[in-house]
C-alpha cells in the first residue's frame, strides 16, 4: 500500500521573499573554491610544461 508509506521529500511552497542565505552562500563559496583550485592547478601545469620544455631543449642542444 503506497498511501501508508512516507516520502523523504516534502513538497513545500517556495518563498522567494526569503531566500535560504545559507544555501546561497554555500553555492557561491563552493564555486569560488573550485575556480581557485582550477587556476592554481593550471598555473602548476604551465610551470611543469615550461620546465619539461627547457629540459628537452637542453638535451637536444647537448647532443649536437
PDB file of N, CA and C in Angstrom:
ATOM      1  N   UNK A   1       0.848  -1.182   0.000  1.00  0.00           N
ATOM      2  CA  UNK A   1       0.000   0.000   0.000  1.00  0.00           C
ATOM      3  C   UNK A   1       0.886   1.236   0.000  1.00  0.00           C
ATOM      4  N   UNK A   2       0.854   1.967  -1.081  1.00  0.00           N
ATOM      5  CA  UNK A   2       1.691   3.151  -1.244  1.00  0.00           C
ATOM      6  C   UNK A   2       1.233   4.325  -0.398  1.00  0.00           C
ATOM      7  N   UNK A   3      -0.029   4.373  -0.060  1.00  0.00           N
ATOM      8  CA  UNK A   3      -0.563   5.507   0.708  1.00  0.00           C
ATOM      9  C   UNK A   3      -0.015   5.527   2.126  1.00  0.00           C
ATOM     10  N   UNK A   4       0.344   4.365   2.672  1.00  0.00           N
ATOM     11  CA  UNK A   4       0.809   4.330   4.050  1.00  0.00           C
ATOM     12  C   UNK A   4       2.303   4.631   4.184  1.00  0.00           C
ATOM     13  N   UNK A   5       3.044   4.661   3.075  1.00  0.00           N
ATOM     14  CA  UNK A   5       4.476   4.957   3.163  1.00  0.00           C
ATOM     15  C   UNK A   5       4.699   6.461   3.164  1.00  0.00           C
ATOM     16  N   UNK A   6       5.758   6.865   3.816  1.00  0.00           N
ATOM     17  CA  UNK A   6       6.084   8.289   3.882  1.00  0.00           C
ATOM     18  C   UNK A   6       7.278   8.568   2.998  1.00  0.00           C
ATOM     19  N   UNK A   7       7.233   9.667   2.327  1.00  0.00           N
ATOM     20  CA  UNK A   7       8.324  10.070   1.456  1.00  0.00           C
ATOM     21  C   UNK A   7       9.342  10.874   2.256  1.00  0.00           C
ATOM     22  N   UNK A   8      10.588  10.777   1.855  1.00  0.00           N
ATOM     23  CA  UNK A   8      11.635  11.578   2.477  1.00  0.00           C
ATOM     24  C   UNK A   8      11.483  13.032   2.045  1.00  0.00           C
ATOM     25  N   UNK A   9      10.998  13.231   0.837  1.00  0.00           N
ATOM     26  CA  UNK A   9      10.849  14.571   0.289  1.00  0.00           C
ATOM     27  C   UNK A   9       9.493  15.142   0.661  1.00  0.00           C
ATOM     28  N   UNK A  10       9.513  16.390   1.077  1.00  0.00           N
ATOM     29  CA  UNK A  10       8.278  17.055   1.464  1.00  0.00           C
ATOM     30  C   UNK A  10       8.036  18.197   0.491  1.00  0.00           C
ATOM     31  N   UNK A  11       6.857  18.252  -0.078  1.00  0.00           N
ATOM     32  CA  UNK A  11       6.518  19.327  -1.006  1.00  0.00           C
ATOM     33  C   UNK A  11       6.138  20.566  -0.213  1.00  0.00           C
ATOM     34  N   UNK A  12       6.868  21.647  -0.466  1.00  0.00           N
ATOM     35  CA  UNK A  12       6.565  22.917   0.187  1.00  0.00           C
ATOM     36  C   UNK A  12       6.493  23.992  -0.873  1.00  0.00           C
ATOM     37  N   UNK A  13       5.734  24.993  -0.588  1.00  0.00           N
ATOM     38  CA  UNK A  13       5.671  26.121  -1.494  1.00  0.00           C
ATOM     39  C   UNK A  13       6.929  26.963  -1.279  1.00  0.00           C
ATOM     40  N   UNK A  14       7.593  27.301  -2.366  1.00  0.00           N
ATOM     41  CA  UNK A  14       8.826  28.091  -2.264  1.00  0.00           C
ATOM     42  C   UNK A  14       8.500  29.545  -1.940  1.00  0.00           C
ATOM     43  N   UNK A  15       9.281  30.111  -1.062  1.00  0.00           N
ATOM     44  CA  UNK A  15       9.123  31.529  -0.749  1.00  0.00           C
ATOM     45  C   UNK A  15      10.297  32.262  -1.361  1.00  0.00           C
ATOM     46  N   UNK A  16      10.008  33.114  -2.305  1.00  0.00           N
ATOM     47  CA  UNK A  16      11.073  33.866  -2.962  1.00  0.00           C
ATOM     48  C   UNK A  16      11.378  35.175  -2.231  1.00  0.00           C
ATOM     49  N   UNK A  17      10.547  35.523  -1.267  1.00  0.00           N
ATOM     50  CA  UNK A  17      10.804  36.738  -0.494  1.00  0.00           C
ATOM     51  C   UNK A  17      11.950  36.528   0.490  1.00  0.00           C
ATOM     52  N   UNK A  18      12.084  35.312   0.996  1.00  0.00           N
ATOM     53  CA  UNK A  18      13.136  34.993   1.967  1.00  0.00           C
ATOM     54  C   UNK A  18      14.000  33.850   1.419  1.00  0.00           C
ATOM     55  N   UNK A  19      15.035  34.189   0.650  1.00  0.00           N
ATOM     56  CA  UNK A  19      15.892  33.108   0.143  1.00  0.00           C
ATOM     57  C   UNK A  19      16.678  32.450   1.278  1.00  0.00           C
ATOM     58  N   UNK A  20      17.068  31.229   1.054  1.00  0.00           N
ATOM     59  CA  UNK A  20      17.864  30.494   2.035  1.00  0.00           C
ATOM     60  C   UNK A  20      19.316  30.959   1.877  1.00  0.00           C
ATOM     61  N   UNK A  21      19.721  31.924   2.687  1.00  0.00           N
ATOM     62  CA  UNK A  21      21.033  32.559   2.513  1.00  0.00           C
ATOM     63  C   UNK A  21      22.177  31.596   2.787  1.00  0.00           C
ATOM     64  N   UNK A  22      21.941  30.634   3.645  1.00  0.00           N
ATOM     65  CA  UNK A  22      22.986  29.637   3.893  1.00  0.00           C
ATOM     66  C   UNK A  22      23.292  28.868   2.615  1.00  0.00           C
ATOM     67  N   UNK A  23      22.258  28.411   1.923  1.00  0.00           N
ATOM     68  CA  UNK A  23      22.463  27.658   0.679  1.00  0.00           C
ATOM     69  C   UNK A  23      23.045  28.538  -0.420  1.00  0.00           C
ATOM     70  N   UNK A  24      22.623  29.796  -0.482  1.00  0.00           N
ATOM     71  CA  UNK A  24      23.174  30.729  -1.475  1.00  0.00           C
ATOM     72  C   UNK A  24      24.669  30.924  -1.215  1.00  0.00           C
ATOM     73  N   UNK A  25      25.020  31.171   0.037  1.00  0.00           N
ATOM     74  CA  UNK A  25      26.429  31.352   0.395  1.00  0.00           C
ATOM     75  C   UNK A  25      27.252  30.101   0.141  1.00  0.00           C
ATOM     76  N   UNK A  26      26.677  28.957   0.440  1.00  0.00           N
ATOM     77  CA  UNK A  26      27.373  27.692   0.213  1.00  0.00           C
ATOM     78  C   UNK A  26      27.632  27.478  -1.276  1.00  0.00           C
ATOM     79  N   UNK A  27      26.658  27.808  -2.104  1.00  0.00           N
ATOM     80  CA  UNK A  27      26.820  27.652  -3.553  1.00  0.00           C
ATOM     81  C   UNK A  27      27.921  28.572  -4.079  1.00  0.00           C
ATOM     82  N   UNK A  28      27.920  29.844  -3.671  1.00  0.00           N
ATOM     83  CA  UNK A  28      28.937  30.777  -4.136  1.00  0.00           C
ATOM     84  C   UNK A  28      30.317  30.417  -3.604  1.00  0.00           C
ATOM     85  N   UNK A  29      30.394  30.000  -2.354  1.00  0.00           N
ATOM     86  CA  UNK A  29      31.683  29.616  -1.776  1.00  0.00           C
ATOM     87  C   UNK A  29      32.262  28.395  -2.483  1.00  0.00           C
ATOM     88  N   UNK A  30      31.411  27.410  -2.755  1.00  0.00           N
ATOM     89  CA  UNK A  30      31.859  26.215  -3.457  1.00  0.00           C
ATOM     90  C   UNK A  30      32.352  26.560  -4.848  1.00  0.00           C
ATOM     91  N   UNK A  31      31.616  27.410  -5.539  1.00  0.00           N
ATOM     92  CA  UNK A  31      32.009  27.823  -6.885  1.00  0.00           C
ATOM     93  C   UNK A  31      33.353  28.558  -6.861  1.00  0.00           C
ATOM     94  N   UNK A  32      33.514  29.470  -5.925  1.00  0.00           N
ATOM     95  CA  UNK A  32      34.769  30.217  -5.819  1.00  0.00           C
ATOM     96  C   UNK A  32      35.933  29.292  -5.493  1.00  0.00           C
ATOM     97  N   UNK A  33      35.716  28.332  -4.610  1.00  0.00           N
ATOM     98  CA  UNK A  33      36.781  27.395  -4.247  1.00  0.00           C
ATOM     99  C   UNK A  33      37.184  26.534  -5.444  1.00  0.00           C
ATOM    100  N   UNK A  34      36.210  26.090  -6.226  1.00  0.00           N
ATOM    101  CA  UNK A  34      36.524  25.288  -7.403  1.00  0.00           C
ATOM    102  C   UNK A  34      37.296  26.095  -8.442  1.00  0.00           C
ATOM    103  N   UNK A  35      36.909  27.350  -8.660  1.00  0.00           N
ATOM    104  CA  UNK A  35      37.638  28.198  -9.606  1.00  0.00           C
ATOM    105  C   UNK A  35      39.071  28.454  -9.117  1.00  0.00           C
ATOM    106  N   UNK A  36      39.233  28.696  -7.819  1.00  0.00           N
ATOM    107  CA  UNK A  36      40.578  28.926  -7.269  1.00  0.00           C
ATOM    108  C   UNK A  36      41.447  27.687  -7.475  1.00  0.00           C
ATOM    109  N   UNK A  37      40.885  26.512  -7.225  1.00  0.00           N
ATOM    110  CA  UNK A  37      41.629  25.274  -7.447  1.00  0.00           C
ATOM    111  C   UNK A  37      41.984  25.111  -8.920  1.00  0.00           C
ATOM    112  N   UNK A  38      41.057  25.459  -9.803  1.00  0.00           N
ATOM    113  CA  UNK A  38      41.294  25.344 -11.239  1.00  0.00           C
ATOM    114  C   UNK A  38      42.444  26.240 -11.678  1.00  0.00           C
ATOM    115  N   UNK A  39      42.453  27.497 -11.236  1.00  0.00           N
ATOM    116  CA  UNK A  39      43.538  28.412 -11.596  1.00  0.00           C
ATOM    117  C   UNK A  39      44.873  27.950 -11.025  1.00  0.00           C
ATOM    118  N   UNK A  40      44.861  27.488  -9.784  1.00  0.00           N
ATOM    119  CA  UNK A  40      46.096  27.004  -9.153  1.00  0.00           C
ATOM    120  C   UNK A  40      46.646  25.804  -9.925  1.00  0.00           C
ATOM    121  N   UNK A  41      45.774  24.870 -10.258  1.00  0.00           N
ATOM    122  CA  UNK A  41      46.197  23.678 -10.986  1.00  0.00           C
ATOM    123  C   UNK A  41      46.718  24.042 -12.372  1.00  0.00           C
ATOM    124  N   UNK A  42      46.063  24.987 -13.030  1.00  0.00           N
ATOM    125  CA  UNK A  42      46.500  25.425 -14.354  1.00  0.00           C
ATOM    126  C   UNK A  42      47.901  26.033 -14.282  1.00  0.00           C
ATOM    127  N   UNK A  43      48.142  26.883 -13.294  1.00  0.00           N
ATOM    128  CA  UNK A  43      49.460  27.501 -13.151  1.00  0.00           C
ATOM    129  C   UNK A  43      50.535  26.451 -12.888  1.00  0.00           C
ATOM    130  N   UNK A  44      50.225  25.459 -12.076  1.00  0.00           N
ATOM    131  CA  UNK A  44      51.197  24.395 -11.824  1.00  0.00           C
ATOM    132  C   UNK A  44      51.466  23.592 -13.096  1.00  0.00           C
ATOM    133  N   UNK A  45      50.428  23.337 -13.869  1.00  0.00           N
ATOM    134  CA  UNK A  45      50.596  22.594 -15.124  1.00  0.00           C
ATOM    135  C   UNK A  45      51.444  23.374 -16.118  1.00  0.00           C
ATOM    136  N   UNK A  46      51.236  24.678 -16.205  1.00  0.00           N
ATOM    137  CA  UNK A  46      52.026  25.519 -17.115  1.00  0.00           C
ATOM    138  C   UNK A  46      53.486  25.531 -16.679  1.00  0.00           C
ATOM    139  N   UNK A  47      53.733  25.644 -15.379  1.00  0.00           N
ATOM    140  CA  UNK A  47      55.109  25.641 -14.885  1.00  0.00           C
ATOM    141  C   UNK A  47      55.797  24.307 -15.194  1.00  0.00           C
ATOM    142  N   UNK A  48      55.089  23.202 -15.018  1.00  0.00           N
ATOM    143  CA  UNK A  48      55.650  21.879 -15.317  1.00  0.00           C
ATOM    144  C   UNK A  48      55.918  21.741 -16.815  1.00  0.00           C
ATOM    145  N   UNK A  49      55.012  22.265 -17.642  1.00  0.00           N
ATOM    146  CA  UNK A  49      55.214  22.225 -19.090  1.00  0.00           C
ATOM    147  C   UNK A  49      56.471  22.996 -19.484  1.00  0.00           C
ATOM    148  N   UNK A  50      56.637  24.191 -18.930  1.00  0.00           N
ATOM    149  CA  UNK A  50      57.815  25.005 -19.244  1.00  0.00           C
ATOM    150  C   UNK A  50      59.096  24.320 -18.770  1.00  0.00           C
ATOM    151  N   UNK A  51      59.066  23.698 -17.597  1.00  0.00           N
ATOM    152  CA  UNK A  51      60.249  23.002 -17.078  1.00  0.00           C
ATOM    153  C   UNK A  51      60.633  21.852 -17.999  1.00  0.00           C
ATOM    154  N   UNK A  52      59.659  21.058 -18.418  1.00  0.00           N
ATOM    155  CA  UNK A  52      59.956  19.929 -19.303  1.00  0.00           C
ATOM    156  C   UNK A  52      60.403  20.401 -20.680  1.00  0.00           C
ATOM    157  N   UNK A  53      59.847  21.497 -21.133  1.00  0.00           N
ATOM    158  CA  UNK A  53      60.231  22.061 -22.425  1.00  0.00           C
ATOM    159  C   UNK A  53      61.706  22.489 -22.390  1.00  0.00           C
ATOM    160  N   UNK A  54      62.119  23.168 -21.323  1.00  0.00           N
ATOM    161  CA  UNK A  54      63.528  23.580 -21.182  1.00  0.00           C
ATOM    162  C   UNK A  54      64.428  22.359 -21.071  1.00  0.00           C
ATOM    163  N   UNK A  55      63.975  21.359 -20.351  1.00  0.00           N
ATOM    164  CA  UNK A  55      64.749  20.132 -20.184  1.00  0.00           C
ATOM    165  C   UNK A  55      64.987  19.451 -21.536  1.00  0.00           C
ATOM    166  N   UNK A  56      63.953  19.394 -22.362  1.00  0.00           N
ATOM    167  CA  UNK A  56      64.086  18.799 -23.700  1.00  0.00           C
ATOM    168  C   UNK A  56      65.038  19.603 -24.576  1.00  0.00           C
ATOM    169  N   UNK A  57      64.963  20.923 -24.491  1.00  0.00           N
ATOM    170  CA  UNK A  57      65.841  21.769 -25.307  1.00  0.00           C
ATOM    171  C   UNK A  57      67.297  21.602 -24.895  1.00  0.00           C
ATOM    172  N   UNK A  58      67.540  21.449 -23.606  1.00  0.00           N
ATOM    173  CA  UNK A  58      68.920  21.265 -23.126  1.00  0.00           C
ATOM    174  C   UNK A  58      69.475  19.922 -23.597  1.00  0.00           C
ATOM    175  N   UNK A  59      68.650  18.889 -23.608  1.00  0.00           N
ATOM    176  CA  UNK A  59      69.097  17.579 -24.090  1.00  0.00           C
ATOM    177  C   UNK A  59      69.430  17.649 -25.570  1.00  0.00           C
ATOM    178  N   UNK A  60      68.594  18.345 -26.349  1.00  0.00           N
ATOM    179  CA  UNK A  60      68.816  18.399 -27.792  1.00  0.00           C
ATOM    180  C   UNK A  60      70.048  19.221 -28.137  1.00  0.00           C
ATOM    181  N   UNK A  61      70.322  20.321 -27.439  1.00  0.00           N
ATOM    182  CA  UNK A  61      71.497  21.148 -27.736  1.00  0.00           C
ATOM    183  C   UNK A  61      72.771  20.435 -27.258  1.00  0.00           C
ATOM    184  N   UNK A  62      72.668  19.633 -26.222  1.00  0.00           N
ATOM    185  CA  UNK A  62      73.833  18.908 -25.715  1.00  0.00           C
ATOM    186  C   UNK A  62      74.234  17.765 -26.640  1.00  0.00           C
ATOM    187  N   UNK A  63      73.305  17.225 -27.416  1.00  0.00           N
ATOM    188  CA  UNK A  63      73.595  16.093 -28.300  1.00  0.00           C
ATOM    189  C   UNK A  63      74.356  16.527 -29.542  1.00  0.00           C
ATOM    190  N   UNK A  64      74.133  17.707 -30.035  1.00  0.00           N
ATOM    191  CA  UNK A  64      74.757  18.101 -31.305  1.00  0.00           C
ATOM    192  C   UNK A  64      75.979  18.964 -31.141  1.00  0.00           C
TER     193      UNK A  64
END
